[in-house]
Amino acid sequence: MRSLVALMDGLWQLLRLALVTRGRVRGRYWHWRQETAFGTDPARMPSLAQRVAAVIRFGHWVGRMRRL
């Protein structure tokens, strides 16, 4: 992460998305997000650390798009 602000914004937006989807992180929306972001082939899946970083960057992106 480039800064603590970006990290905090990403985490905040992920929390907001979890609330909007009523905590159903295994629901259709989150399943679709995972497939489009990381694919379905387990052999080509990035490491856990890379996935966590990507999810936080996605949360930060969501925050930037909401502020447009």
PDB file of N, CA and C in Angstrom:
ATOM      1  N   MET A   1       0.839  -1.182   0.000  1.00  0.00           N
ATOM      2  CA  MET A   1       0.000   0.000   0.000  1.00  0.00           C
ATOM      3  C   MET A   1       0.880   1.239   0.000  1.00  0.00           C
ATOM      4  N   ARG A   2       0.434   2.225  -0.692  1.00  0.00           N
ATOM      5  CA  ARG A   2       1.214   3.451  -0.773  1.00  0.00           C
ATOM      6  C   ARG A   2       1.148   4.264   0.507  1.00  0.00           C
ATOM      7  N   SER A   3       0.058   4.168   1.197  1.00  0.00           N
ATOM      8  CA  SER A   3      -0.031   4.962   2.416  1.00  0.00           C
ATOM      9  C   SER A   3      -1.029   4.334   3.383  1.00  0.00           C
ATOM     10  N   LEU A   4      -0.933   4.763   4.601  1.00  0.00           N
ATOM     11  CA  LEU A   4      -1.856   4.294   5.618  1.00  0.00           C
ATOM     12  C   LEU A   4      -3.280   4.740   5.296  1.00  0.00           C
ATOM     13  N   VAL A   5      -3.422   5.900   4.694  1.00  0.00           N
ATOM     14  CA  VAL A   5      -4.757   6.405   4.328  1.00  0.00           C
ATOM     15  C   VAL A   5      -5.407   5.481   3.300  1.00  0.00           C
ATOM     16  N   ALA A   6      -4.646   5.036   2.318  1.00  0.00           N
ATOM     17  CA  ALA A   6      -5.183   4.129   1.300  1.00  0.00           C
ATOM     18  C   ALA A   6      -5.581   2.801   1.935  1.00  0.00           C
ATOM     19  N   LEU A   7      -4.773   2.314   2.872  1.00  0.00           N
ATOM     20  CA  LEU A   7      -5.085   1.074   3.565  1.00  0.00           C
ATOM     21  C   LEU A   7      -6.375   1.212   4.366  1.00  0.00           C
ATOM     22  N   MET A   8      -6.480   2.281   5.122  1.00  0.00           N
ATOM     23  CA  MET A   8      -7.671   2.494   5.937  1.00  0.00           C
ATOM     24  C   MET A   8      -8.912   2.688   5.064  1.00  0.00           C
ATOM     25  N   ASP A   9      -8.779   3.419   3.966  1.00  0.00           N
ATOM     26  CA  ASP A   9      -9.901   3.613   3.053  1.00  0.00           C
ATOM     27  C   ASP A   9     -10.330   2.284   2.455  1.00  0.00           C
ATOM     28  N   GLY A  10      -9.372   1.469   2.050  1.00  0.00           N
ATOM     29  CA  GLY A  10      -9.700   0.166   1.480  1.00  0.00           C
ATOM     30  C   GLY A  10     -10.439  -0.715   2.465  1.00  0.00           C
ATOM     31  N   LEU A  11      -9.963  -0.747   3.708  1.00  0.00           N
ATOM     32  CA  LEU A  11     -10.627  -1.559   4.734  1.00  0.00           C
ATOM     33  C   LEU A  11     -12.022  -1.022   5.043  1.00  0.00           C
ATOM     34  N   TRP A  12     -12.146   0.300   5.102  1.00  0.00           N
ATOM     35  CA  TRP A  12     -13.458   0.912   5.373  1.00  0.00           C
ATOM     36  C   TRP A  12     -14.462   0.564   4.271  1.00  0.00           C
ATOM     37  N   GLN A  13     -14.037   0.670   3.028  1.00  0.00           N
ATOM     38  CA  GLN A  13     -14.940   0.385   1.914  1.00  0.00           C
ATOM     39  C   GLN A  13     -15.313  -1.093   1.874  1.00  0.00           C
ATOM     40  N   LEU A  14     -14.383  -1.981   2.234  1.00  0.00           N
ATOM     41  CA  LEU A  14     -14.706  -3.405   2.290  1.00  0.00           C
ATOM     42  C   LEU A  14     -15.722  -3.689   3.386  1.00  0.00           C
ATOM     43  N   LEU A  15     -15.576  -3.008   4.520  1.00  0.00           N
ATOM     44  CA  LEU A  15     -16.555  -3.151   5.594  1.00  0.00           C
ATOM     45  C   LEU A  15     -17.922  -2.655   5.131  1.00  0.00           C
ATOM     46  N   ARG A  16     -17.933  -1.518   4.431  1.00  0.00           N
ATOM     47  CA  ARG A  16     -19.181  -0.981   3.915  1.00  0.00           C
ATOM     48  C   ARG A  16     -19.824  -1.945   2.920  1.00  0.00           C
ATOM     49  N   LEU A  17     -19.016  -2.535   2.034  1.00  0.00           N
ATOM     50  CA  LEU A  17     -19.550  -3.510   1.079  1.00  0.00           C
ATOM     51  C   LEU A  17     -20.089  -4.744   1.791  1.00  0.00           C
ATOM     52  N   ALA A  18     -19.414  -5.166   2.859  1.00  0.00           N
ATOM     53  CA  ALA A  18     -19.897  -6.318   3.627  1.00  0.00           C
ATOM     54  C   ALA A  18     -21.250  -5.995   4.256  1.00  0.00           C
ATOM     55  N   LEU A  19     -21.416  -4.771   4.736  1.00  0.00           N
ATOM     56  CA  LEU A  19     -22.696  -4.375   5.323  1.00  0.00           C
ATOM     57  C   LEU A  19     -23.791  -4.284   4.264  1.00  0.00           C
ATOM     58  N   VAL A  20     -23.444  -3.740   3.102  1.00  0.00           N
ATOM     59  CA  VAL A  20     -24.424  -3.610   2.012  1.00  0.00           C
ATOM     60  C   VAL A  20     -24.887  -4.984   1.538  1.00  0.00           C
ATOM     61  N   THR A  21     -23.976  -5.945   1.506  1.00  0.00           N
ATOM     62  CA  THR A  21     -24.337  -7.294   1.071  1.00  0.00           C
ATOM     63  C   THR A  21     -24.802  -8.150   2.248  1.00  0.00           C
ATOM     64  N   ARG A  22     -25.072  -7.481   3.377  1.00  0.00           N
ATOM     65  CA  ARG A  22     -25.612  -8.112   4.593  1.00  0.00           C
ATOM     66  C   ARG A  22     -24.726  -9.227   5.128  1.00  0.00           C
ATOM     67  N   GLY A  23     -23.420  -9.076   4.949  1.00  0.00           N
ATOM     68  CA  GLY A  23     -22.480 -10.043   5.499  1.00  0.00           C
ATOM     69  C   GLY A  23     -22.402 -11.363   4.770  1.00  0.00           C
ATOM     70  N   ARG A  24     -23.078 -11.452   3.654  1.00  0.00           N
ATOM     71  CA  ARG A  24     -23.061 -12.706   2.892  1.00  0.00           C
ATOM     72  C   ARG A  24     -21.834 -12.734   1.980  1.00  0.00           C
ATOM     73  N   VAL A  25     -20.662 -12.928   2.583  1.00  0.00           N
ATOM     74  CA  VAL A  25     -19.423 -12.904   1.805  1.00  0.00           C
ATOM     75  C   VAL A  25     -19.272 -14.147   0.935  1.00  0.00           C
ATOM     76  N   ARG A  26     -20.110 -15.134   1.135  1.00  0.00           N
ATOM     77  CA  ARG A  26     -20.116 -16.315   0.264  1.00  0.00           C
ATOM     78  C   ARG A  26     -21.284 -16.262  -0.713  1.00  0.00           C
ATOM     79  N   GLY A  27     -21.911 -15.096  -0.833  1.00  0.00           N
ATOM     80  CA  GLY A  27     -23.058 -14.944  -1.722  1.00  0.00           C
ATOM     81  C   GLY A  27     -22.649 -14.795  -3.175  1.00  0.00           C
ATOM     82  N   ARG A  28     -23.641 -14.547  -4.006  1.00  0.00           N
ATOM     83  CA  ARG A  28     -23.421 -14.446  -5.458  1.00  0.00           C
ATOM     84  C   ARG A  28     -22.456 -13.331  -5.832  1.00  0.00           C
ATOM     85  N   TYR A  29     -22.630 -12.142  -5.235  1.00  0.00           N
ATOM     86  CA  TYR A  29     -21.786 -11.003  -5.603  1.00  0.00           C
ATOM     87  C   TYR A  29     -20.318 -11.293  -5.304  1.00  0.00           C
ATOM     88  N   TRP A  30     -20.038 -11.761  -4.109  1.00  0.00           N
ATOM     89  CA  TRP A  30     -18.637 -12.003  -3.732  1.00  0.00           C
ATOM     90  C   TRP A  30     -18.045 -13.170  -4.509  1.00  0.00           C
ATOM     91  N   HIS A  31     -18.863 -14.172  -4.818  1.00  0.00           N
ATOM     92  CA  HIS A  31     -18.382 -15.282  -5.631  1.00  0.00           C
ATOM     93  C   HIS A  31     -18.009 -14.781  -7.027  1.00  0.00           C
ATOM     94  N   TRP A  32     -18.855 -13.939  -7.589  1.00  0.00           N
ATOM     95  CA  TRP A  32     -18.574 -13.356  -8.899  1.00  0.00           C
ATOM     96  C   TRP A  32     -17.314 -12.498  -8.870  1.00  0.00           C
ATOM     97  N   ARG A  33     -17.152 -11.678  -7.807  1.00  0.00           N
ATOM     98  CA  ARG A  33     -15.959 -10.834  -7.692  1.00  0.00           C
ATOM     99  C   ARG A  33     -14.698 -11.681  -7.635  1.00  0.00           C
ATOM    100  N   GLN A  34     -14.737 -12.773  -6.886  1.00  0.00           N
ATOM    101  CA  GLN A  34     -13.562 -13.626  -6.775  1.00  0.00           C
ATOM    102  C   GLN A  34     -13.222 -14.277  -8.115  1.00  0.00           C
ATOM    103  N   GLU A  35     -14.240 -14.750  -8.826  1.00  0.00           N
ATOM    104  CA  GLU A  35     -13.998 -15.376 -10.126  1.00  0.00           C
ATOM    105  C   GLU A  35     -13.427 -14.394 -11.126  1.00  0.00           C
ATOM    106  N   THR A  36     -13.960 -13.174 -11.172  1.00  0.00           N
ATOM    107  CA  THR A  36     -13.469 -12.210 -12.143  1.00  0.00           C
ATOM    108  C   THR A  36     -12.088 -11.679 -11.764  1.00  0.00           C
ATOM    109  N   ALA A  37     -11.782 -11.635 -10.492  1.00  0.00           N
ATOM    110  CA  ALA A  37     -10.483 -11.110 -10.066  1.00  0.00           C
ATOM    111  C   ALA A  37      -9.381 -12.156 -10.135  1.00  0.00           C
ATOM    112  N   PHE A  38      -9.679 -13.381  -9.742  1.00  0.00           N
ATOM    113  CA  PHE A  38      -8.625 -14.382  -9.594  1.00  0.00           C
ATOM    114  C   PHE A  38      -8.799 -15.612 -10.467  1.00  0.00           C
ATOM    115  N   GLY A  39      -9.917 -15.738 -11.160  1.00  0.00           N
ATOM    116  CA  GLY A  39     -10.147 -16.904 -11.997  1.00  0.00           C
ATOM    117  C   GLY A  39     -10.663 -18.083 -11.197  1.00  0.00           C
ATOM    118  N   THR A  40     -10.766 -19.232 -11.864  1.00  0.00           N
ATOM    119  CA  THR A  40     -11.299 -20.422 -11.204  1.00  0.00           C
ATOM    120  C   THR A  40     -10.283 -21.555 -11.138  1.00  0.00           C
ATOM    121  N   ASP A  41      -9.131 -21.401 -11.764  1.00  0.00           N
ATOM    122  CA  ASP A  41      -8.104 -22.446 -11.769  1.00  0.00           C
ATOM    123  C   ASP A  41      -7.235 -22.332 -10.518  1.00  0.00           C
ATOM    124  N   PRO A  42      -7.319 -23.294  -9.593  1.00  0.00           N
ATOM    125  CA  PRO A  42      -6.533 -23.210  -8.357  1.00  0.00           C
ATOM    126  C   PRO A  42      -5.023 -23.191  -8.595  1.00  0.00           C
ATOM    127  N   ALA A  43      -4.576 -23.783  -9.688  1.00  0.00           N
ATOM    128  CA  ALA A  43      -3.143 -23.810  -9.978  1.00  0.00           C
ATOM    129  C   ALA A  43      -2.607 -22.420 -10.328  1.00  0.00           C
ATOM    130  N   ARG A  44      -3.466 -21.557 -10.834  1.00  0.00           N
ATOM    131  CA  ARG A  44      -3.038 -20.216 -11.232  1.00  0.00           C
ATOM    132  C   ARG A  44      -3.414 -19.146 -10.205  1.00  0.00           C
ATOM    133  N   MET A  45      -3.965 -19.561  -9.072  1.00  0.00           N
ATOM    134  CA  MET A  45      -4.399 -18.641  -8.022  1.00  0.00           C
ATOM    135  C   MET A  45      -3.175 -17.981  -7.374  1.00  0.00           C
ATOM    136  N   PRO A  46      -3.221 -16.670  -7.164  1.00  0.00           N
ATOM    137  CA  PRO A  46      -2.103 -16.004  -6.483  1.00  0.00           C
ATOM    138  C   PRO A  46      -2.030 -16.429  -5.016  1.00  0.00           C
ATOM    139  N   SER A  47      -0.906 -16.135  -4.394  1.00  0.00           N
ATOM    140  CA  SER A  47      -0.737 -16.491  -2.983  1.00  0.00           C
ATOM    141  C   SER A  47      -1.741 -15.730  -2.117  1.00  0.00           C
ATOM    142  N   LEU A  48      -1.901 -16.169  -0.890  1.00  0.00           N
ATOM    143  CA  LEU A  48      -2.837 -15.530   0.030  1.00  0.00           C
ATOM    144  C   LEU A  48      -2.471 -14.060   0.247  1.00  0.00           C
ATOM    145  N   ALA A  49      -1.193 -13.778   0.424  1.00  0.00           N
ATOM    146  CA  ALA A  49      -0.753 -12.393   0.637  1.00  0.00           C
ATOM    147  C   ALA A  49      -1.093 -11.514  -0.569  1.00  0.00           C
ATOM    148  N   GLN A  50      -0.896 -12.043  -1.765  1.00  0.00           N
ATOM    149  CA  GLN A  50      -1.219 -11.282  -2.973  1.00  0.00           C
ATOM    150  C   GLN A  50      -2.719 -11.060  -3.098  1.00  0.00           C
ATOM    151  N   ARG A  51      -3.518 -12.063  -2.721  1.00  0.00           N
ATOM    152  CA  ARG A  51      -4.975 -11.904  -2.783  1.00  0.00           C
ATOM    153  C   ARG A  51      -5.465 -10.876  -1.773  1.00  0.00           C
ATOM    154  N   VAL A  52      -4.911 -10.897  -0.569  1.00  0.00           N
ATOM    155  CA  VAL A  52      -5.303  -9.922   0.455  1.00  0.00           C
ATOM    156  C   VAL A  52      -4.969  -8.514  -0.010  1.00  0.00           C
ATOM    157  N   ALA A  53      -3.765  -8.323  -0.548  1.00  0.00           N
ATOM    158  CA  ALA A  53      -3.364  -7.011  -1.053  1.00  0.00           C
ATOM    159  C   ALA A  53      -4.284  -6.563  -2.187  1.00  0.00           C
ATOM    160  N   ALA A  54      -4.647  -7.477  -3.064  1.00  0.00           N
ATOM    161  CA  ALA A  54      -5.532  -7.136  -4.182  1.00  0.00           C
ATOM    162  C   ALA A  54      -6.924  -6.754  -3.692  1.00  0.00           C
ATOM    163  N   VAL A  55      -7.411  -7.441  -2.687  1.00  0.00           N
ATOM    164  CA  VAL A  55      -8.746  -7.140  -2.149  1.00  0.00           C
ATOM    165  C   VAL A  55      -8.736  -5.763  -1.482  1.00  0.00           C
ATOM    166  N   ILE A  56      -7.674  -5.442  -0.765  1.00  0.00           N
ATOM    167  CA  ILE A  56      -7.582  -4.116  -0.137  1.00  0.00           C
ATOM    168  C   ILE A  56      -7.476  -3.027  -1.201  1.00  0.00           C
ATOM    169  N   ARG A  57      -6.706  -3.284  -2.259  1.00  0.00           N
ATOM    170  CA  ARG A  57      -6.638  -2.316  -3.360  1.00  0.00           C
ATOM    171  C   ARG A  57      -8.005  -2.140  -4.015  1.00  0.00           C
ATOM    172  N   PHE A  58      -8.765  -3.231  -4.136  1.00  0.00           N
ATOM    173  CA  PHE A  58     -10.125  -3.144  -4.679  1.00  0.00           C
ATOM    174  C   PHE A  58     -10.990  -2.265  -3.787  1.00  0.00           C
ATOM    175  N   GLY A  59     -10.888  -2.447  -2.476  1.00  0.00           N
ATOM    176  CA  GLY A  59     -11.650  -1.612  -1.553  1.00  0.00           C
ATOM    177  C   GLY A  59     -11.298  -0.147  -1.696  1.00  0.00           C
ATOM    178  N   HIS A  60     -10.012   0.144  -1.850  1.00  0.00           N
ATOM    179  CA  HIS A  60      -9.583   1.533  -2.042  1.00  0.00           C
ATOM    180  C   HIS A  60     -10.127   2.083  -3.361  1.00  0.00           C
ATOM    181  N   TRP A  61     -10.112   1.264  -4.402  1.00  0.00           N
ATOM    182  CA  TRP A  61     -10.658   1.683  -5.696  1.00  0.00           C
ATOM    183  C   TRP A  61     -12.142   1.996  -5.578  1.00  0.00           C
ATOM    184  N   VAL A  62     -12.875   1.147  -4.842  1.00  0.00           N
ATOM    185  CA  VAL A  62     -14.305   1.383  -4.636  1.00  0.00           C
ATOM    186  C   VAL A  62     -14.516   2.758  -4.000  1.00  0.00           C
ATOM    187  N   GLY A  63     -13.700   3.081  -3.003  1.00  0.00           N
ATOM    188  CA  GLY A  63     -13.812   4.390  -2.348  1.00  0.00           C
ATOM    189  C   GLY A  63     -13.554   5.530  -3.304  1.00  0.00           C
ATOM    190  N   ARG A  64     -12.552   5.384  -4.151  1.00  0.00           N
ATOM    191  CA  ARG A  64     -12.265   6.454  -5.129  1.00  0.00           C
ATOM    192  C   ARG A  64     -13.401   6.610  -6.118  1.00  0.00           C
ATOM    193  N   MET A  65     -13.998   5.496  -6.561  1.00  0.00           N
ATOM    194  CA  MET A  65     -15.102   5.572  -7.514  1.00  0.00           C
ATOM    195  C   MET A  65     -16.337   6.205  -6.872  1.00  0.00           C
ATOM    196  N   ARG A  66     -16.575   5.938  -5.603  1.00  0.00           N
ATOM    197  CA  ARG A  66     -17.721   6.533  -4.922  1.00  0.00           C
ATOM    198  C   ARG A  66     -17.558   8.038  -4.771  1.00  0.00           C
ATOM    199  N   ARG A  67     -16.330   8.523  -4.688  1.00  0.00           N
ATOM    200  CA  ARG A  67     -16.091   9.952  -4.523  1.00  0.00           C
ATOM    201  C   ARG A  67     -16.097  10.720  -5.835  1.00  0.00           C
ATOM    202  N   LEU A  68     -16.170  10.028  -6.971  1.00  0.00           N
ATOM    203  CA  LEU A  68     -16.200  10.741  -8.259  1.00  0.00           C
ATOM    204  C   LEU A  68     -17.459  11.538  -8.441  1.00  0.00           C
TER     205      LEU A  68
END
